[in-house]
Amino acid sequence: MLEIRDTENIRWASDPSRLLPGEEPESLFADDARHWIAVYSELLSFNRQLAEGITVRQEDDLPLMQAHIERMNGRLDYWQDRLDNLT
C-alpha cells in the first residue's frame, strides 16, 4: 500500500501541467513572467535546501522531493522562455 501511495505522490509532484494558484501561462505581461520566475526560483532554492538536508531515515522522501524539483525547474524554464518571447 505504501508503494502505491508513494508512486501516486511522485506522479502528482512531477505533473508538468500542475500550476500554482494564480499562475496563468498565457499571460501577455512580462511582469507576470518576471513574478513567476521569482516565485519558482525561490521555491527551487528552498526545496533544494530541503533535499540536501534529508537524513538517512528520510531517504524514502528523496524521490518525492526530486520530482517536485524537476517540475519546478520545468515551470521556471517555461517562464524564462515566456519572458524572452514577451520582451
C-alpha atoms as a PDB file:
ATOM      1  CA  MET A   1       0.000   0.000   0.000  1.00  0.00           C
ATOM      2  CA  LEU A   2       2.819   2.400   0.857  1.00  0.00           C
ATOM      3  CA  GLU A   3       4.462   1.907  -2.560  1.00  0.00           C
ATOM      4  CA  ILE A   4       1.191   2.747  -4.353  1.00  0.00           C
ATOM      5  CA  ARG A   5       0.788   5.930  -2.306  1.00  0.00           C
ATOM      6  CA  ASP A   6       4.389   6.913  -2.937  1.00  0.00           C
ATOM      7  CA  THR A   7       4.009   6.302  -6.667  1.00  0.00           C
ATOM      8  CA  GLU A   8       0.861   8.434  -6.782  1.00  0.00           C
ATOM      9  CA  ASN A   9       2.526  11.218  -4.789  1.00  0.00           C
ATOM     10  CA  ILE A  10       5.527  11.234  -7.122  1.00  0.00           C
ATOM     11  CA  ARG A  11       3.228  11.292 -10.174  1.00  0.00           C
ATOM     12  CA  TRP A  12       1.352  14.272  -8.674  1.00  0.00           C
ATOM     13  CA  ALA A  13       4.570  16.073  -7.718  1.00  0.00           C
ATOM     14  CA  SER A  14       6.050  15.702 -11.180  1.00  0.00           C
ATOM     15  CA  ASP A  15       2.907  16.574 -13.176  1.00  0.00           C
ATOM     16  CA  PRO A  16       4.071  19.339 -15.548  1.00  0.00           C
ATOM     17  CA  SER A  17       0.506  20.577 -16.058  1.00  0.00           C
ATOM     18  CA  ARG A  18       0.047  21.319 -12.346  1.00  0.00           C
ATOM     19  CA  LEU A  19       0.203  25.080 -11.815  1.00  0.00           C
ATOM     20  CA  LEU A  20       0.367  27.204  -8.703  1.00  0.00           C
ATOM     21  CA  PRO A  21      -2.739  29.205  -7.741  1.00  0.00           C
ATOM     22  CA  GLY A  22      -2.930  32.343  -9.876  1.00  0.00           C
ATOM     23  CA  GLU A  23      -0.429  31.114 -12.445  1.00  0.00           C
ATOM     24  CA  GLU A  24      -1.684  31.988 -15.932  1.00  0.00           C
ATOM     25  CA  PRO A  25       0.695  30.562 -18.537  1.00  0.00           C
ATOM     26  CA  GLU A  26      -0.848  32.534 -21.383  1.00  0.00           C
ATOM     27  CA  SER A  27      -0.366  35.923 -19.719  1.00  0.00           C
ATOM     28  CA  LEU A  28       0.762  38.586 -22.145  1.00  0.00           C
ATOM     29  CA  PHE A  29       2.537  40.643 -19.480  1.00  0.00           C
ATOM     30  CA  ALA A  30       6.296  40.494 -18.987  1.00  0.00           C
ATOM     31  CA  ASP A  31       5.802  41.481 -15.333  1.00  0.00           C
ATOM     32  CA  ASP A  32       3.768  38.307 -14.797  1.00  0.00           C
ATOM     33  CA  ALA A  33       6.603  36.234 -16.250  1.00  0.00           C
ATOM     34  CA  ARG A  34       9.110  38.023 -14.004  1.00  0.00           C
ATOM     35  CA  HIS A  35       6.887  37.352 -10.996  1.00  0.00           C
ATOM     36  CA  TRP A  36       6.696  33.608 -11.715  1.00  0.00           C
ATOM     37  CA  ILE A  37      10.430  33.432 -12.392  1.00  0.00           C
ATOM     38  CA  ALA A  38      10.981  34.877  -8.918  1.00  0.00           C
ATOM     39  CA  VAL A  39       8.424  32.525  -7.334  1.00  0.00           C
ATOM     40  CA  TYR A  40       9.840  29.385  -8.911  1.00  0.00           C
ATOM     41  CA  SER A  41      13.430  30.471  -8.249  1.00  0.00           C
ATOM     42  CA  GLU A  42      12.643  30.865  -4.559  1.00  0.00           C
ATOM     43  CA  LEU A  43      10.714  27.584  -4.385  1.00  0.00           C
ATOM     44  CA  LEU A  44      13.562  25.758  -6.096  1.00  0.00           C
ATOM     45  CA  SER A  45      16.111  27.188  -3.699  1.00  0.00           C
ATOM     46  CA  PHE A  46      14.022  26.172  -0.694  1.00  0.00           C
ATOM     47  CA  ASN A  47      13.321  22.658  -1.995  1.00  0.00           C
ATOM     48  CA  ARG A  48      16.966  22.077  -2.897  1.00  0.00           C
ATOM     49  CA  GLN A  49      17.936  23.012   0.653  1.00  0.00           C
ATOM     50  CA  LEU A  50      15.337  20.574   1.984  1.00  0.00           C
ATOM     51  CA  ALA A  51      16.586  17.800  -0.289  1.00  0.00           C
ATOM     52  CA  GLU A  52      20.169  18.392   0.825  1.00  0.00           C
ATOM     53  CA  GLY A  53      19.087  18.132   4.457  1.00  0.00           C
ATOM     54  CA  ILE A  54      17.344  14.781   4.120  1.00  0.00           C
ATOM     55  CA  THR A  55      18.799  12.305   6.574  1.00  0.00           C
ATOM     56  CA  VAL A  56      19.238   8.561   6.146  1.00  0.00           C
ATOM     57  CA  ARG A  57      15.939   7.952   7.947  1.00  0.00           C
ATOM     58  CA  GLN A  58      14.174  10.229   5.475  1.00  0.00           C
ATOM     59  CA  GLU A  59      15.715   8.880   2.262  1.00  0.00           C
ATOM     60  CA  ASP A  60      12.345   7.494   1.188  1.00  0.00           C
ATOM     61  CA  ASP A  61      11.222  11.125   0.768  1.00  0.00           C
ATOM     62  CA  LEU A  62      14.019  11.967  -1.657  1.00  0.00           C
ATOM     63  CA  PRO A  63      12.270  10.752  -4.856  1.00  0.00           C
ATOM     64  CA  LEU A  64       9.267  12.925  -3.995  1.00  0.00           C
ATOM     65  CA  MET A  65      11.490  15.956  -3.400  1.00  0.00           C
ATOM     66  CA  GLN A  66      13.329  15.301  -6.668  1.00  0.00           C
ATOM     67  CA  ALA A  67      10.006  15.103  -8.530  1.00  0.00           C
ATOM     68  CA  HIS A  68       8.972  18.488  -7.077  1.00  0.00           C
ATOM     69  CA  ILE A  69      12.325  19.993  -8.031  1.00  0.00           C
ATOM     70  CA  GLU A  70      12.138  18.675 -11.599  1.00  0.00           C
ATOM     71  CA  ARG A  71       8.615  20.077 -12.041  1.00  0.00           C
ATOM     72  CA  MET A  72       9.638  23.454 -10.666  1.00  0.00           C
ATOM     73  CA  ASN A  73      12.659  23.510 -12.974  1.00  0.00           C
ATOM     74  CA  GLY A  74      10.298  22.931 -15.882  1.00  0.00           C
ATOM     75  CA  ARG A  75       7.974  25.727 -14.760  1.00  0.00           C
ATOM     76  CA  LEU A  76      10.936  28.086 -14.290  1.00  0.00           C
ATOM     77  CA  ASP A  77      12.192  27.234 -17.785  1.00  0.00           C
ATOM     78  CA  TYR A  78       8.699  27.887 -19.149  1.00  0.00           C
ATOM     79  CA  TRP A  79       8.504  31.356 -17.568  1.00  0.00           C
ATOM     80  CA  GLN A  80      12.019  32.276 -18.648  1.00  0.00           C
ATOM     81  CA  ASP A  81      11.144  31.324 -22.234  1.00  0.00           C
ATOM     82  CA  ARG A  82       7.841  33.176 -21.915  1.00  0.00           C
ATOM     83  CA  LEU A  83       9.644  36.327 -20.758  1.00  0.00           C
ATOM     84  CA  ASP A  84      12.040  36.065 -23.691  1.00  0.00           C
ATOM     85  CA  ASN A  85       9.065  35.880 -26.058  1.00  0.00           C
ATOM     86  CA  LEU A  86       7.309  38.835 -24.430  1.00  0.00           C
ATOM     87  CA  THR A  87      10.269  41.202 -24.413  1.00  0.00           C
END
